[in-house]
Amino acid sequence: MSTNPDAYTDLASRHNFAESQRYRQIMQMLMTPAQAQLVAALPAPPEELSQKLGRPLSQVKADLEELFLKGVIIPKNFQTREGYRFCRSTEQFHDATQGMTRFDKAAEKKFFALWDEFCNKEWYPELGKSYAAREQPLERVVAAYKAIEKVPGVQPYDDVRELIKSADPIAVVPCPCRRHAQKCTKPVDTCLQLGRGGEYAIVRGSGRKLTPQQAVAVLDEVEESGEVHIWPNVAGGAPRFMCNCCDDCCVAWVPLTQNDVSVGKRAAKSRFEATVQQSQCDGCQVCVDRCMFNAIEMVKAPGSKKLKAQVDPEKCWGCGLCVIKCEPKALSMRMVRPPAYIPGAVPV
């Protein structure tokens, strides 16, 4: 039976990129024309697909499994593989297909380059508009836990360790943004998948299962390297991910800077704010280098020949990355927002 040459266009149209040649090329690297037609026919059980497309049931099942491992399709039940569907959005397709590539090195390099070009030239401009139109951010910054350990009134939804400890399972997966952008030297295996998200990563083989203690070790690594914790902007629920972002690679950040959109359209501030005791500041400027929000500058301090750090509270998002690397302990965090600031939080 002949394949449908427009299946790629059909699939791309579901993500609003029907006219994109780059998106088509990404899809062509991931699936053959026959497999694209199979995906376009979902959702349907394998037996129905076999009959509809005139293909052996064994081939249909083999193709579905291959496409699942590539991240193109996702089943409702990860164990039985029942309920396959095509990725719901560009973001899901972006994250899943770069989580575990099945290419040789040369093809993988081309694949990541295609994604990077598509993101910067086509997707990020649209994302920037989408973020700018938000009435309130869907995510929020969570402070580095070592920066707030001595702050009174810290709640479980303020502490990344508490946020992830009840998740079962927990998996760490490669950051898809960092894989294709390759603009920094920060660790790649830093995205945490939780609960159902963790199960998906483990079953598919795109992630490594972690104990809660191992997950905290990942948090230690990302805080040390200077990545910002991003979490859904709710106090409860069962989120499926925790992103740890940099400002030169990540989908949570680059579309904002490229389109001159405030970070506040994507992520709310934490409940904390950095403050500096200038008399203790030695002028090393490590905090300036680590701040992705441009909230710290070096200023002339009265009675000192050295420039001293100064925090702009309007620009500070309360990530705490400056505090944990301040050797003279001039920087600290203070709580500046009540629990009611976080949607769904119970007043204390």
Protein backbone atom coordinates (compact mmCIF):
# COMPACT_ATOMS: atom_id res chain seq x y z
CA MET A 1 0.00 0.00 0.00
CA SER A 2 1.39 3.43 -0.88
CA THR A 3 2.28 5.86 1.86
CA ASN A 4 0.80 9.31 2.26
CA PRO A 5 3.46 11.92 1.37
CA ASP A 6 1.52 14.56 3.34
CA ALA A 7 1.57 12.72 6.67
CA TYR A 8 4.47 14.88 7.89
CA THR A 9 2.51 18.03 7.06
CA ASP A 10 -0.53 16.63 8.84
CA LEU A 11 1.51 16.00 11.99
CA ALA A 12 3.33 19.34 11.83
CA SER A 13 0.01 21.15 11.45
CA ARG A 14 -1.09 19.80 14.83
CA HIS A 15 1.74 21.83 16.36
CA ASN A 16 1.00 24.84 14.12
CA PHE A 17 4.11 24.38 11.97
CA ALA A 18 2.63 22.91 8.80
CA GLU A 19 4.69 25.24 6.60
CA SER A 20 7.99 24.70 8.38
CA GLN A 21 10.60 22.87 6.36
CA ARG A 22 12.83 22.60 9.42
CA TYR A 23 10.10 20.89 11.45
CA ARG A 24 9.47 18.55 8.54
CA GLN A 25 13.17 17.67 8.38
CA ILE A 26 13.20 16.88 12.09
CA MET A 27 10.24 14.56 11.61
CA GLN A 28 11.84 12.93 8.58
CA MET A 29 14.89 12.11 10.68
CA LEU A 30 12.70 10.45 13.28
CA MET A 31 10.28 8.45 11.13
CA THR A 32 9.94 7.03 7.65
CA PRO A 33 7.01 8.11 5.45
CA ALA A 34 5.23 4.86 6.36
CA GLN A 35 5.81 5.50 10.06
CA ALA A 36 4.58 9.09 9.70
CA GLN A 37 1.36 7.77 8.17
CA LEU A 38 1.05 5.34 11.08
CA VAL A 39 1.44 8.16 13.61
CA ALA A 40 -1.09 10.30 11.74
CA ALA A 41 -3.63 7.47 12.08
CA LEU A 42 -3.37 7.44 15.89
CA PRO A 43 -5.05 7.02 18.29
CA ALA A 44 -6.11 3.49 17.39
CA PRO A 45 -5.14 0.01 18.59
CA PRO A 46 -2.49 -1.88 16.57
CA GLU A 47 -5.02 -4.32 15.13
CA GLU A 48 -7.12 -1.49 13.73
CA LEU A 49 -4.05 0.25 12.33
CA SER A 50 -2.90 -2.98 10.68
CA GLN A 51 -6.24 -3.42 8.95
CA LYS A 52 -6.63 0.23 8.02
CA LEU A 53 -3.13 0.60 6.56
CA GLY A 54 -2.83 -2.90 5.13
CA ARG A 55 0.36 -3.72 7.01
CA PRO A 56 1.35 -6.81 9.01
CA LEU A 57 0.41 -6.51 12.68
CA SER A 58 3.95 -7.45 13.71
CA GLN A 59 5.36 -4.55 11.67
CA VAL A 60 2.85 -2.11 13.11
CA LYS A 61 3.75 -3.13 16.66
CA ALA A 62 7.47 -2.93 15.91
CA ASP A 63 7.10 0.55 14.42
CA LEU A 64 5.03 1.77 17.37
CA GLU A 65 7.66 0.54 19.81
CA GLU A 66 10.45 2.21 17.84
CA LEU A 67 8.55 5.49 17.69
CA PHE A 68 7.86 5.29 21.43
CA LEU A 69 11.57 4.89 22.15
CA LYS A 70 12.34 7.84 19.88
CA GLY A 71 9.85 10.03 21.76
CA VAL A 72 7.52 10.60 18.81
CA ILE A 73 4.50 8.88 20.38
CA ILE A 74 3.49 8.39 24.00
CA PRO A 75 1.22 5.62 25.32
CA LYS A 76 -1.38 6.15 28.02
CA ASN A 77 -0.03 3.05 29.76
CA PHE A 78 3.77 2.92 29.68
CA GLN A 79 3.93 -0.73 30.73
CA THR A 80 1.39 -2.26 28.32
CA ARG A 81 1.96 0.36 25.60
CA GLU A 82 -1.81 0.86 25.23
CA GLY A 83 -3.24 4.18 24.05
CA TYR A 84 -0.49 5.56 21.82
CA ARG A 85 -0.84 9.15 20.62
CA PHE A 86 1.35 11.69 18.88
CA CYS A 87 3.07 14.27 21.13
CA ARG A 88 0.53 16.89 22.16
CA SER A 89 2.70 19.96 21.56
CA THR A 90 5.94 21.24 20.12
CA GLU A 91 7.37 21.48 23.63
CA GLN A 92 6.56 17.84 24.40
CA PHE A 93 7.96 16.76 21.02
CA HIS A 94 11.09 18.89 21.63
CA ASP A 95 11.72 17.40 25.07
CA ALA A 96 10.90 13.77 24.29
CA THR A 97 12.75 13.35 21.00
CA GLN A 98 15.99 14.81 22.33
CA GLY A 99 15.89 12.79 25.54
CA MET A 100 17.24 9.62 23.97
CA THR A 101 18.43 9.84 20.39
CA ARG A 102 18.89 6.66 18.36
CA PHE A 103 21.31 8.07 15.80
CA ASP A 104 25.00 7.67 15.13
CA LYS A 105 27.20 10.62 16.11
CA ALA A 106 27.05 12.35 12.75
CA ALA A 107 23.27 12.08 12.49
CA GLU A 108 22.85 13.12 16.10
CA LYS A 109 24.88 16.28 15.48
CA LYS A 110 22.67 17.11 12.48
CA PHE A 111 19.54 16.37 14.50
CA PHE A 112 20.50 18.73 17.33
CA ALA A 113 21.53 21.40 14.84
CA LEU A 114 18.13 21.17 13.14
CA TRP A 115 16.35 21.56 16.46
CA ASP A 116 18.50 24.54 17.42
CA GLU A 117 17.89 26.29 14.11
CA PHE A 118 14.16 25.62 14.28
CA CYS A 119 13.94 26.83 17.86
CA ASN A 120 15.78 30.10 17.30
CA LYS A 121 14.35 31.02 13.92
CA GLU A 122 10.76 29.76 14.19
CA TRP A 123 9.61 28.46 17.56
CA TYR A 124 11.16 30.89 20.05
CA PRO A 125 9.68 33.99 18.36
CA GLU A 126 6.24 32.40 18.76
CA LEU A 127 6.98 31.33 22.32
CA GLY A 128 8.08 34.85 23.20
CA LYS A 129 4.70 36.17 22.04
CA SER A 130 2.94 33.44 23.98
CA TYR A 131 4.82 34.25 27.18
CA ALA A 132 4.20 37.99 26.75
CA ALA A 133 0.43 37.36 26.52
CA ARG A 134 0.25 35.49 29.85
CA GLU A 135 -1.72 37.20 32.60
CA GLN A 136 0.29 35.35 35.23
CA PRO A 137 3.29 33.03 35.11
CA LEU A 138 2.66 29.28 35.18
CA GLU A 139 5.99 28.55 36.88
CA ARG A 140 8.03 30.08 39.66
CA VAL A 141 11.63 30.23 40.80
CA VAL A 142 12.47 28.09 43.84
CA ALA A 143 15.41 29.26 45.91
CA ALA A 144 18.57 27.18 46.27
CA TYR A 145 17.89 25.28 49.48
CA LYS A 146 21.32 26.02 50.97
CA ALA A 147 20.61 29.73 50.62
CA ILE A 148 17.46 29.64 52.77
CA GLU A 149 18.33 27.01 55.39
CA LYS A 150 18.62 29.64 58.15
CA VAL A 151 15.68 31.80 57.09
CA PRO A 152 12.70 31.60 59.51
CA GLY A 153 9.33 30.54 58.12
CA VAL A 154 10.49 28.36 55.21
CA GLN A 155 7.61 26.15 54.06
CA PRO A 156 7.77 22.77 52.25
CA TYR A 157 6.81 24.47 48.96
CA ASP A 158 9.85 26.76 49.33
CA ASP A 159 12.36 23.90 49.68
CA VAL A 160 13.31 21.92 46.56
CA ARG A 161 14.15 18.88 48.68
CA GLU A 162 10.64 18.82 50.12
CA LEU A 163 9.06 19.39 46.72
CA ILE A 164 10.62 16.29 45.18
CA LYS A 165 10.84 13.88 48.11
CA SER A 166 7.28 12.54 47.81
CA ALA A 167 7.60 11.89 44.07
CA ASP A 168 7.75 8.25 43.06
CA PRO A 169 9.61 7.50 40.94
CA ILE A 170 12.23 10.20 40.35
CA ALA A 171 14.37 10.21 37.22
CA VAL A 172 17.01 12.53 35.82
CA VAL A 173 17.10 13.13 32.07
CA PRO A 174 19.35 15.17 29.77
CA CYS A 175 18.28 18.78 29.34
CA PRO A 176 16.98 18.92 25.75
CA CYS A 177 17.65 22.65 25.50
CA ARG A 178 21.28 22.30 26.52
CA ARG A 179 21.73 19.32 24.21
CA HIS A 180 20.87 21.28 21.08
CA ALA A 181 22.02 24.78 22.08
CA GLN A 182 25.43 23.76 23.44
CA LYS A 183 26.18 27.33 24.55
CA CYS A 184 27.43 26.65 28.06
CA THR A 185 29.45 24.13 30.03
CA LYS A 186 26.81 23.47 32.69
CA PRO A 187 25.89 19.84 33.42
CA VAL A 188 23.44 18.27 30.96
CA ASP A 189 21.83 15.54 33.07
CA THR A 190 19.87 17.93 35.28
CA CYS A 191 16.17 17.78 34.36
CA LEU A 192 14.18 15.92 37.00
CA GLN A 193 11.12 13.92 35.94
CA LEU A 194 8.74 13.07 38.78
CA GLY A 195 5.91 10.60 39.29
CA ARG A 196 4.35 9.69 35.97
CA GLY A 197 7.00 11.76 34.20
CA GLY A 198 9.69 9.74 35.97
CA GLU A 199 7.99 6.47 35.06
CA TYR A 200 7.95 7.50 31.39
CA ALA A 201 11.66 8.31 31.40
CA ILE A 202 12.63 5.09 33.16
CA VAL A 203 10.49 2.74 31.04
CA ARG A 204 11.61 4.41 27.83
CA GLY A 205 15.26 4.43 28.89
CA SER A 206 15.71 8.18 28.43
CA GLY A 207 16.25 8.77 32.14
CA ARG A 208 18.07 7.29 35.10
CA LYS A 209 16.09 6.34 38.19
CA LEU A 210 17.17 8.15 41.36
CA THR A 211 16.69 7.64 45.06
CA PRO A 212 15.61 10.77 46.95
CA GLN A 213 19.19 11.09 48.21
CA GLN A 214 20.57 10.87 44.67
CA ALA A 215 18.05 13.49 43.55
CA VAL A 216 19.32 15.87 46.23
CA ALA A 217 22.85 15.25 44.94
CA VAL A 218 21.64 16.41 41.50
CA LEU A 219 20.18 19.52 43.13
CA ASP A 220 23.53 20.15 44.80
CA GLU A 221 25.27 19.88 41.44
CA VAL A 222 22.94 22.31 39.66
CA GLU A 223 23.06 24.84 42.48
CA GLU A 224 26.86 24.67 42.46
CA SER A 225 26.98 25.16 38.69
CA GLY A 226 24.56 28.09 38.81
CA GLU A 227 21.26 26.80 37.43
CA VAL A 228 17.91 28.20 38.54
CA HIS A 229 15.24 25.83 39.87
CA ILE A 230 11.94 26.26 38.00
CA TRP A 231 8.77 24.66 39.41
CA PRO A 232 5.04 24.93 38.58
CA ASN A 233 3.61 27.94 40.38
CA VAL A 234 1.43 26.00 42.81
CA ALA A 235 1.88 24.92 46.41
CA GLY A 236 0.42 21.41 46.05
CA GLY A 237 -0.44 18.89 43.40
CA ALA A 238 1.85 16.36 41.78
CA PRO A 239 4.00 18.09 39.12
CA ARG A 240 5.85 15.84 36.70
CA PHE A 241 9.03 17.83 36.28
CA MET A 242 11.57 20.20 37.76
CA CYS A 243 13.65 22.24 35.34
CA ASN A 244 17.05 23.62 36.28
CA CYS A 245 17.67 26.43 33.87
CA CYS A 246 20.47 28.54 32.45
CA ASP A 247 19.87 31.77 30.58
CA ASP A 248 21.73 30.95 27.36
CA CYS A 249 20.18 27.59 26.42
CA CYS A 250 16.82 26.97 28.05
CA VAL A 251 13.35 27.19 26.54
CA ALA A 252 12.18 28.88 29.73
CA TRP A 253 14.63 31.74 29.17
CA VAL A 254 15.98 32.26 25.66
CA PRO A 255 12.61 33.12 24.02
CA LEU A 256 12.20 35.84 26.64
CA THR A 257 15.55 37.52 26.06
CA GLN A 258 15.30 37.13 22.29
CA ASN A 259 11.93 38.89 22.27
CA ASP A 260 12.60 41.42 25.04
CA VAL A 261 9.96 39.89 27.32
CA SER A 262 10.21 40.07 31.11
CA VAL A 263 11.28 36.90 32.92
CA GLY A 264 8.21 37.51 35.08
CA LYS A 265 5.98 36.41 32.22
CA ARG A 266 7.40 32.90 32.45
CA ALA A 267 8.34 32.48 36.11
CA ALA A 268 7.19 34.21 39.30
CA LYS A 269 9.70 35.22 41.92
CA SER A 270 10.37 33.00 44.93
CA ARG A 271 9.26 34.21 48.36
CA PHE A 272 12.79 35.36 49.06
CA GLU A 273 15.12 38.16 48.12
CA ALA A 274 18.88 38.55 48.30
CA THR A 275 20.36 41.26 50.49
CA VAL A 276 23.97 42.30 51.04
CA GLN A 277 25.94 43.49 54.03
CA GLN A 278 28.39 45.74 52.19
CA SER A 279 30.83 45.93 55.10
CA GLN A 280 31.52 42.21 54.60
CA CYS A 281 31.72 42.31 50.78
CA ASP A 282 35.27 41.83 49.45
CA GLY A 283 34.40 42.94 45.92
CA CYS A 284 35.09 39.58 44.24
CA GLN A 285 32.10 39.95 41.84
CA VAL A 286 31.29 36.21 41.85
CA CYS A 287 27.69 37.14 42.65
CA VAL A 288 27.50 39.39 39.58
CA ASP A 289 28.67 36.57 37.33
CA ARG A 290 26.17 34.09 38.84
CA CYS A 291 23.09 36.31 38.71
CA MET A 292 21.00 35.55 35.61
CA PHE A 293 18.59 38.37 36.44
CA ASN A 294 21.16 41.18 36.32
CA ALA A 295 20.05 42.13 39.83
CA ILE A 296 23.54 42.77 41.27
CA GLU A 297 25.98 45.51 40.39
CA MET A 298 29.23 46.72 41.90
CA VAL A 299 29.03 50.23 43.33
CA LYS A 300 31.31 52.66 45.11
CA ALA A 301 30.68 52.23 48.84
CA PRO A 302 31.28 55.05 51.33
CA GLY A 303 34.57 54.66 53.16
CA SER A 304 35.87 51.88 50.93
CA LYS A 305 38.32 51.85 48.04
CA LYS A 306 36.75 48.65 46.70
CA LEU A 307 33.55 48.36 44.74
CA LYS A 308 30.87 46.55 46.71
CA ALA A 309 27.90 44.44 45.64
CA GLN A 310 24.47 46.05 45.59
CA VAL A 311 21.20 44.15 45.00
CA ASP A 312 18.34 45.71 43.05
CA PRO A 313 15.24 44.22 44.76
CA GLU A 314 13.07 44.84 41.70
CA LYS A 315 15.33 42.66 39.57
CA CYS A 316 15.99 39.95 42.17
CA TRP A 317 13.96 36.77 41.57
CA GLY A 318 15.13 35.13 44.79
CA CYS A 319 17.02 32.17 43.32
CA GLY A 320 19.79 32.32 45.95
CA LEU A 321 22.59 31.32 43.59
CA CYS A 322 24.60 34.38 44.60
CA VAL A 323 24.28 33.59 48.30
CA ILE A 324 25.63 30.04 48.22
CA LYS A 325 28.90 31.11 46.55
CA CYS A 326 29.57 34.25 48.59
CA GLU A 327 32.71 33.29 50.53
CA PRO A 328 32.74 36.32 52.88
CA LYS A 329 29.04 35.64 53.67
CA ALA A 330 28.09 39.18 52.76
CA LEU A 331 24.99 37.98 50.91
CA SER A 332 21.99 36.38 52.56
CA MET A 333 18.33 35.72 51.83
CA ARG A 334 15.33 37.24 53.54
CA MET A 335 11.66 36.35 53.21
CA VAL A 336 9.70 39.17 51.59
CA ARG A 337 6.44 37.51 50.45
CA PRO A 338 3.73 35.73 52.48
CA PRO A 339 2.55 32.14 51.85
CA ALA A 340 -0.56 33.52 50.11
CA TYR A 341 1.76 34.74 47.35
CA ILE A 342 1.91 31.15 46.03
CA PRO A 343 -1.37 29.88 44.52
CA GLY A 344 -2.87 27.15 46.67
CA ALA A 345 -0.66 27.82 49.70
CA VAL A 346 -2.23 27.48 53.15
CA PRO A 347 -1.60 30.50 55.42
CA VAL A 348 0.63 29.77 58.43
